C-alpha atoms as a PDB file:
ATOM      1  CA  MET A   1     126.462 115.325 118.172  1.00  0.00           C
ATOM      2  CA  ASP A   2     125.721 115.983 122.594  1.00  0.00           C
ATOM      3  CA  TYR A   3     122.834 114.591 124.199  1.00  0.00           C
ATOM      4  CA  GLY A   4     120.691 117.987 124.094  1.00  0.00           C
ATOM      5  CA  THR A   5     120.954 117.663 120.332  1.00  0.00           C
ATOM      6  CA  LEU A   6     119.847 114.562 120.880  1.00  0.00           C
ATOM      7  CA  GLN A   7     116.941 115.411 122.594  1.00  0.00           C
ATOM      8  CA  GLY A   8     115.809 118.133 120.873  1.00  0.00           C
ATOM      9  CA  ILE A   9     115.375 115.624 117.965  1.00  0.00           C
ATOM     10  CA  LEU A  10     113.343 112.843 119.850  1.00  0.00           C
ATOM     11  CA  THR A  11     111.107 115.580 120.506  1.00  0.00           C
ATOM     12  CA  ILE A  12     109.969 116.601 117.060  1.00  0.00           C
ATOM     13  CA  ILE A  13     110.247 113.407 116.402  1.00  0.00           C
ATOM     14  CA  VAL A  14     107.105 112.428 119.220  1.00  0.00           C
ATOM     15  CA  MET A  15     105.757 116.135 118.339  1.00  0.00           C
ATOM     16  CA  LEU A  16     105.340 114.718 114.813  1.00  0.00           C
ATOM     17  CA  THR A  17     104.334 110.990 115.671  1.00  0.00           C
ATOM     18  CA  PHE A  18     101.263 112.694 117.935  1.00  0.00           C
ATOM     19  CA  ILE A  19     100.857 115.541 115.287  1.00  0.00           C
ATOM     20  CA  GLY A  20      99.935 112.542 112.593  1.00  0.00           C
ATOM     21  CA  ILE A  21      97.956 110.363 115.074  1.00  0.00           C
ATOM     22  CA  PHE A  22      95.498 113.229 115.969  1.00  0.00           C
ATOM     23  CA  ALA A  23      95.274 114.013 112.371  1.00  0.00           C
ATOM     24  CA  TRP A  24      94.627 110.894 111.284  1.00  0.00           C
ATOM     25  CA  ALA A  25      92.090 110.520 113.966  1.00  0.00           C
ATOM     26  CA  TYR A  26      90.255 112.909 113.278  1.00  0.00           C
ATOM     27  CA  SER A  27      90.101 113.489 109.434  1.00  0.00           C
ATOM     28  CA  SER A  28      86.981 113.377 107.636  1.00  0.00           C
ATOM     29  CA  ARG A  29      87.906 110.115 105.430  1.00  0.00           C
ATOM     30  CA  ARG A  30      87.671 108.144 108.676  1.00  0.00           C
ATOM     31  CA  GLN A  31      84.804 109.090 109.968  1.00  0.00           C
ATOM     32  CA  LYS A  32      82.289 106.733 108.238  1.00  0.00           C
ATOM     33  CA  SER A  33      84.500 103.531 109.373  1.00  0.00           C
ATOM     34  CA  PHE A  34      85.283 105.126 113.040  1.00  0.00           C
ATOM     35  CA  ASP A  35      81.444 105.383 113.356  1.00  0.00           C
ATOM     36  CA  GLU A  36      80.784 101.603 112.394  1.00  0.00           C
ATOM     37  CA  ALA A  37      83.309 100.251 114.755  1.00  0.00           C
ATOM     38  CA  ALA A  38      81.952 103.140 117.683  1.00  0.00           C
ATOM     39  CA  ASN A  39      78.335 101.159 116.733  1.00  0.00           C
ATOM     40  CA  LEU A  40      79.430  97.292 116.690  1.00  0.00           C
ATOM     41  CA  VAL A  41      78.971  97.160 120.662  1.00  0.00           C
ATOM     42  CA  PHE A  42      74.862  97.840 119.980  1.00  0.00           C
ATOM     43  CA  SER A  43      74.626  95.318 117.094  1.00  0.00           C
ATOM     44  CA  ASP A  44      76.363  92.598 119.206  1.00  0.00           C
ATOM     45  CA  GLU A  45      73.814  93.306 122.126  1.00  0.00           C
ATOM     46  CA  GLU A  46      71.105  93.173 119.321  1.00  0.00           C
ATOM     47  CA  ILE A  47      71.898  89.332 118.242  1.00  0.00           C
ATOM     48  CA  SER A  48      72.313  88.459 122.067  1.00  0.00           C
ATOM     49  CA  LYS A  49      68.545  89.456 122.820  1.00  0.00           C
ATOM     50  CA  VAL A  50      67.272  88.434 119.864  1.00  0.00           C
ATOM     51  CA  SER A  51      68.268  84.682 120.277  1.00  0.00           C
ATOM     52  CA  LYS A  52      67.561  84.855 124.253  1.00  0.00           C
ATOM     53  CA  ASP A  53      64.492  86.056 123.132  1.00  0.00           C
ATOM     54  CA  SER A  54      63.925  83.406 120.876  1.00  0.00           C
ATOM     55  CA  GLY A  55      64.718  80.561 123.756  1.00  0.00           C
ATOM     56  CA  GLU A  56      62.522  81.733 125.992  1.00  0.00           C
ATOM     57  CA  ASN A  57      59.405  81.556 123.360  1.00  0.00           C
ATOM     58  CA  LYS A  58      59.429  77.910 122.734  1.00  0.00           C
END
């Protein structure tokens, strides 16, 4: 096995890995969990806002 063959095999492995990650990220089965993860930032913001408001009212 020469260097060119090894380089070709490595290119195919990297390409298949990229296609696999792309398919996983855009699959419809994962959309709900990704939407929940995207909204986690806003849920933390609401909790801290409520705790600050409750402290000011006392």
